[in-house]
């Protein structure tokens, strides 16, 4: 009985997630990156918890010999949500780290970490640009392209920073 109650509460949470995810396409101002990244990070935590709960309920139903509930919509939601999460967290991390790399003391710069982050940002930006281009979402696509352009301009500086930060 407790499991059924927990499952009913969980099933009521799913439409809230759907609503949150469906509103992510509204955010198309790069200057809102901090607020939007906070929203997608919170949603990411909720998505992880939802996936864990779905797995737990499915396992319990299997153990009790009950018909398993269909939670495939959570996987669909996650797939729909992931590009927004990747875009906005990359944008926010890029702006934060870029500012730090340019303004913090030179002695504090971790050049190998910078190189790894820049390469990851470029890779993630390429994926999100491709996704939003396929979905014909030009306003959000422009955000990804702007960040990618900034990254491409910054990338040639990374080997210089690595060379200058070596102890030799």
Protein backbone atom coordinates (compact mmCIF):
# COMPACT_ATOMS: atom_id res chain seq x y z
CA UNK A 1 0.00 0.00 0.00
CA UNK A 2 2.85 2.35 0.83
CA UNK A 3 4.46 1.59 -2.53
CA UNK A 4 1.21 2.39 -4.34
CA UNK A 5 0.96 5.67 -2.47
CA UNK A 6 4.58 6.52 -3.30
CA UNK A 7 4.00 5.60 -6.94
CA UNK A 8 0.91 7.80 -7.17
CA UNK A 9 2.87 10.73 -5.70
CA UNK A 10 5.65 10.03 -8.16
CA UNK A 11 3.24 9.90 -11.10
CA UNK A 12 1.98 13.35 -10.03
CA UNK A 13 5.56 14.72 -10.14
CA UNK A 14 6.11 13.70 -13.77
CA UNK A 15 3.75 16.33 -15.29
CA UNK A 16 5.61 19.01 -13.32
CA UNK A 17 8.86 17.87 -14.90
CA UNK A 18 7.22 17.85 -18.32
CA UNK A 19 6.02 21.42 -17.80
CA UNK A 20 9.43 22.62 -16.67
CA UNK A 21 11.16 20.97 -19.62
CA UNK A 22 8.63 22.29 -22.12
CA UNK A 23 9.30 25.86 -20.95
CA UNK A 24 13.07 25.64 -21.50
CA UNK A 25 12.71 26.60 -25.16
CA UNK A 26 11.48 30.04 -24.05
CA UNK A 27 14.87 31.03 -22.71
CA UNK A 28 16.81 32.57 -25.56
CA UNK A 29 18.75 35.42 -23.95
CA UNK A 30 22.40 34.59 -23.35
CA UNK A 31 22.52 37.25 -20.62
CA UNK A 32 20.20 35.08 -18.52
CA UNK A 33 22.73 32.23 -18.45
CA UNK A 34 23.09 32.19 -14.67
CA UNK A 35 19.36 31.99 -13.98
CA UNK A 36 18.66 29.46 -16.71
CA UNK A 37 21.63 27.28 -15.76
CA UNK A 38 20.30 27.22 -12.19
CA UNK A 39 16.91 26.07 -13.50
CA UNK A 40 18.42 23.31 -15.66
CA UNK A 41 20.73 22.16 -12.87
CA UNK A 42 17.78 21.87 -10.48
CA UNK A 43 15.80 20.07 -13.15
CA UNK A 44 18.76 17.75 -13.70
CA UNK A 45 18.64 16.72 -10.04
CA UNK A 46 14.90 16.13 -10.29
CA UNK A 47 15.40 14.04 -13.43
CA UNK A 48 18.04 11.90 -11.73
CA UNK A 49 15.73 11.33 -8.76
CA UNK A 50 12.84 10.49 -11.09
CA UNK A 51 14.94 7.91 -12.92
CA UNK A 52 16.04 6.38 -9.61
CA UNK A 53 12.45 6.22 -8.34
CA UNK A 54 11.23 4.66 -11.58
CA UNK A 55 13.92 2.01 -11.34
CA UNK A 56 13.10 1.37 -7.67
CA UNK A 57 9.38 1.01 -8.35
CA UNK A 58 9.99 -1.28 -11.32
CA UNK A 59 12.27 -3.50 -9.23
CA UNK A 60 9.74 -3.64 -6.39
CA UNK A 61 6.94 -4.55 -8.78
CA UNK A 62 9.11 -7.26 -10.30
CA UNK A 63 9.96 -8.67 -6.85
CA UNK A 64 6.32 -8.73 -5.83
CA UNK A 65 5.22 -10.34 -9.10
CA UNK A 66 3.07 -7.36 -10.08
CA UNK A 67 2.59 -5.87 -13.53
CA UNK A 68 5.38 -3.41 -14.12
CA UNK A 69 4.45 0.24 -14.61
CA UNK A 70 5.62 1.93 -17.78
CA UNK A 71 8.07 4.72 -17.03
CA UNK A 72 9.46 5.04 -20.55
CA UNK A 73 8.19 8.63 -20.66
CA UNK A 74 10.94 9.57 -18.20
CA UNK A 75 13.59 8.41 -20.68
CA UNK A 76 11.88 10.42 -23.42
CA UNK A 77 11.83 13.49 -21.14
CA UNK A 78 15.49 13.03 -20.34
CA UNK A 79 16.39 12.86 -24.02
CA UNK A 80 14.39 16.01 -24.72
CA UNK A 81 15.90 17.81 -21.75
CA UNK A 82 19.57 16.90 -22.17
CA UNK A 83 20.45 19.39 -24.97
CA UNK A 84 19.11 22.29 -22.87
CA UNK A 85 21.09 21.11 -19.86
CA UNK A 86 24.25 20.78 -21.95
CA UNK A 87 23.79 24.18 -23.59
CA UNK A 88 23.04 26.25 -20.50
CA UNK A 89 25.55 24.61 -18.16
CA UNK A 90 28.26 24.97 -20.81
CA UNK A 91 27.38 28.63 -21.39
CA UNK A 92 27.39 29.37 -17.67
CA UNK A 93 30.61 27.44 -16.99
CA UNK A 94 32.30 29.07 -19.99
CA UNK A 95 31.49 32.60 -18.89
CA UNK A 96 32.51 31.88 -15.31
CA UNK A 97 35.79 30.17 -16.20
CA UNK A 98 36.65 32.60 -18.99
CA UNK A 99 36.33 35.52 -16.59
CA UNK A 100 38.44 33.66 -14.04
CA UNK A 101 41.14 32.73 -16.57
CA UNK A 102 41.45 36.33 -17.73
CA UNK A 103 41.31 38.06 -14.36
CA UNK A 104 42.70 35.75 -11.68
CA UNK A 105 46.41 35.83 -10.82
CA UNK A 106 48.58 34.10 -13.43
CA UNK A 107 50.16 31.89 -10.76
CA UNK A 108 46.75 30.37 -9.96
CA UNK A 109 46.03 29.31 -13.55
CA UNK A 110 45.75 25.54 -14.03
CA UNK A 111 46.52 25.37 -17.77
CA UNK A 112 45.91 21.61 -18.27
CA UNK A 113 42.52 21.97 -16.59
CA UNK A 114 41.77 24.96 -18.79
CA UNK A 115 42.66 22.94 -21.89
CA UNK A 116 40.42 20.05 -20.83
CA UNK A 117 37.49 22.36 -20.11
CA UNK A 118 37.82 24.29 -23.36
CA UNK A 119 37.92 21.06 -25.38
CA UNK A 120 34.85 19.75 -23.51
CA UNK A 121 33.01 23.03 -24.04
CA UNK A 122 33.74 22.91 -27.77
CA UNK A 123 32.61 19.29 -28.03
CA UNK A 124 29.40 19.99 -26.09
CA UNK A 125 28.73 23.17 -28.07
CA UNK A 126 29.04 21.27 -31.34
CA UNK A 127 26.51 18.68 -30.12
CA UNK A 128 24.00 21.27 -28.95
CA UNK A 129 24.37 23.37 -32.11
CA UNK A 130 23.71 20.30 -34.22
CA UNK A 131 20.63 19.40 -32.13
CA UNK A 132 19.09 22.88 -32.18
CA UNK A 133 19.83 23.27 -35.89
CA UNK A 134 17.98 19.99 -36.58
CA UNK A 135 15.05 21.20 -34.47
CA UNK A 136 15.13 24.58 -36.27
CA UNK A 137 15.29 26.53 -33.02
CA UNK A 138 17.16 29.58 -34.28
CA UNK A 139 16.99 31.74 -31.12
CA UNK A 140 18.59 29.07 -28.94
CA UNK A 141 20.90 28.05 -31.78
CA UNK A 142 22.34 31.58 -31.80
CA UNK A 143 23.33 31.19 -28.13
CA UNK A 144 25.26 28.01 -28.89
CA UNK A 145 26.88 29.58 -31.95
CA UNK A 146 27.90 32.67 -29.98
CA UNK A 147 29.60 30.58 -27.31
CA UNK A 148 31.22 28.37 -29.94
CA UNK A 149 32.59 31.46 -31.67
CA UNK A 150 34.02 32.72 -28.35
CA UNK A 151 35.57 29.32 -27.72
CA UNK A 152 37.13 29.22 -31.20
CA UNK A 153 38.69 32.63 -30.59
CA UNK A 154 40.01 31.55 -27.18
CA UNK A 155 41.28 28.11 -28.20
CA UNK A 156 44.58 29.31 -29.78
CA UNK A 157 45.53 30.87 -26.43
CA UNK A 158 45.34 27.55 -24.58
CA UNK A 159 48.65 26.08 -25.88
CA UNK A 160 50.35 29.39 -25.06
CA UNK A 161 49.02 29.23 -21.50
CA UNK A 162 50.16 25.63 -21.18
CA UNK A 163 53.64 26.46 -22.44
CA UNK A 164 54.00 29.48 -20.18
CA UNK A 165 52.72 27.65 -17.08
CA UNK A 166 55.18 24.75 -17.36
CA UNK A 167 57.77 24.80 -14.62
CA UNK A 168 60.65 24.63 -17.04
